[in-house]
Amino acid sequence: MAGEHRERNPGGQLASDEPPTLVDDVHFVDGEEGRRLAHAQARALWEVTQWLVQNSYRTGREPTA
């Protein structure tokens, strides 16, 4: 369950005996605040994607074209 301590394997990943959970809180904004939030979210997703591409060797997978 979310917020509970979960066992990790030696590689630091969550144990595979149960799927991870997500707890989220949705807020809707519009106007200038909404545009700033959309920009920040897009930037965060871009940075995560770039990190995944640059660190794909750690998973043993080849980067995709």
C-alpha atoms as a PDB file:
ATOM      1  CA  MET A   1       0.000   0.000   0.000  1.00  0.00           C
ATOM      2  CA  ALA A   2       1.205   3.558  -0.683  1.00  0.00           C
ATOM      3  CA  GLY A   3       3.367   5.059   2.026  1.00  0.00           C
ATOM      4  CA  GLU A   4       4.396   1.720   3.486  1.00  0.00           C
ATOM      5  CA  HIS A   5       7.991   0.490   3.589  1.00  0.00           C
ATOM      6  CA  ARG A   6       8.634  -2.021   0.821  1.00  0.00           C
ATOM      7  CA  GLU A   7      11.516  -4.440   0.387  1.00  0.00           C
ATOM      8  CA  ARG A   8      14.053  -3.632  -2.301  1.00  0.00           C
ATOM      9  CA  ASN A   9      16.256  -6.089  -4.110  1.00  0.00           C
ATOM     10  CA  PRO A  10      20.079  -5.681  -4.115  1.00  0.00           C
ATOM     11  CA  GLY A  11      19.846  -3.534  -7.267  1.00  0.00           C
ATOM     12  CA  GLY A  12      17.703  -1.003  -5.388  1.00  0.00           C
ATOM     13  CA  GLN A  13      14.505  -1.787  -7.269  1.00  0.00           C
ATOM     14  CA  LEU A  14      11.213  -2.627  -5.589  1.00  0.00           C
ATOM     15  CA  ALA A  15      10.677  -6.329  -5.058  1.00  0.00           C
ATOM     16  CA  SER A  16       8.656  -7.823  -7.889  1.00  0.00           C
ATOM     17  CA  ASP A  17       6.108  -9.598  -5.672  1.00  0.00           C
ATOM     18  CA  GLU A  18       3.621  -6.744  -6.001  1.00  0.00           C
ATOM     19  CA  PRO A  19       3.220  -3.848  -8.414  1.00  0.00           C
ATOM     20  CA  PRO A  20       4.113  -0.316  -7.320  1.00  0.00           C
ATOM     21  CA  THR A  21       1.295   2.010  -6.338  1.00  0.00           C
ATOM     22  CA  LEU A  22       0.675   5.649  -7.109  1.00  0.00           C
ATOM     23  CA  VAL A  23      -1.015   8.239  -4.955  1.00  0.00           C
ATOM     24  CA  ASP A  24      -1.851  11.424  -6.780  1.00  0.00           C
ATOM     25  CA  ASP A  25      -3.718  14.651  -6.217  1.00  0.00           C
ATOM     26  CA  VAL A  26      -5.190  16.378  -9.267  1.00  0.00           C
ATOM     27  CA  HIS A  27      -5.570  20.151  -9.443  1.00  0.00           C
ATOM     28  CA  PHE A  28      -6.923  22.021 -12.451  1.00  0.00           C
ATOM     29  CA  VAL A  29      -5.544  25.466 -13.257  1.00  0.00           C
ATOM     30  CA  ASP A  30      -5.983  27.759 -16.233  1.00  0.00           C
ATOM     31  CA  GLY A  31      -4.759  31.107 -17.435  1.00  0.00           C
ATOM     32  CA  GLU A  32      -1.152  32.128 -16.829  1.00  0.00           C
ATOM     33  CA  GLU A  33      -0.749  29.701 -13.911  1.00  0.00           C
ATOM     34  CA  GLY A  34      -1.929  26.849 -16.142  1.00  0.00           C
ATOM     35  CA  ARG A  35       0.544  27.815 -18.881  1.00  0.00           C
ATOM     36  CA  ARG A  36       3.422  27.918 -16.375  1.00  0.00           C
ATOM     37  CA  LEU A  37       2.417  24.533 -14.975  1.00  0.00           C
ATOM     38  CA  ALA A  38       2.132  23.000 -18.464  1.00  0.00           C
ATOM     39  CA  HIS A  39       5.600  24.321 -19.313  1.00  0.00           C
ATOM     40  CA  ALA A  40       7.089  22.942 -16.068  1.00  0.00           C
ATOM     41  CA  GLN A  41       5.477  19.547 -16.651  1.00  0.00           C
ATOM     42  CA  ALA A  42       6.682  19.382 -20.245  1.00  0.00           C
ATOM     43  CA  ARG A  43      10.208  20.296 -19.142  1.00  0.00           C
ATOM     44  CA  ALA A  44      10.176  17.618 -16.416  1.00  0.00           C
ATOM     45  CA  LEU A  45       9.001  14.940 -18.858  1.00  0.00           C
ATOM     46  CA  TRP A  46      11.678  15.994 -21.365  1.00  0.00           C
ATOM     47  CA  GLU A  47      14.393  15.787 -18.684  1.00  0.00           C
ATOM     48  CA  VAL A  48      13.234  12.333 -17.554  1.00  0.00           C
ATOM     49  CA  THR A  49      13.162  11.116 -21.155  1.00  0.00           C
ATOM     50  CA  GLN A  50      16.675  12.426 -21.765  1.00  0.00           C
ATOM     51  CA  TRP A  51      17.933  10.767 -18.572  1.00  0.00           C
ATOM     52  CA  LEU A  52      16.375   7.458 -19.621  1.00  0.00           C
ATOM     53  CA  VAL A  53      18.070   7.652 -23.033  1.00  0.00           C
ATOM     54  CA  GLN A  54      21.451   8.526 -21.519  1.00  0.00           C
ATOM     55  CA  ASN A  55      21.234   5.842 -18.825  1.00  0.00           C
ATOM     56  CA  SER A  56      19.693   2.982 -20.794  1.00  0.00           C
ATOM     57  CA  TYR A  57      22.966   1.033 -20.574  1.00  0.00           C
ATOM     58  CA  ARG A  58      22.229   0.391 -16.893  1.00  0.00           C
ATOM     59  CA  THR A  59      19.211  -1.720 -17.842  1.00  0.00           C
ATOM     60  CA  GLY A  60      21.165  -3.673 -20.439  1.00  0.00           C
ATOM     61  CA  ARG A  61      18.963  -2.306 -23.188  1.00  0.00           C
ATOM     62  CA  GLU A  62      20.202  -0.555 -26.270  1.00  0.00           C
ATOM     63  CA  PRO A  63      18.923   2.988 -26.876  1.00  0.00           C
ATOM     64  CA  THR A  64      16.110   3.124 -29.403  1.00  0.00           C
ATOM     65  CA  ALA A  65      16.490   5.061 -32.643  1.00  0.00           C
END
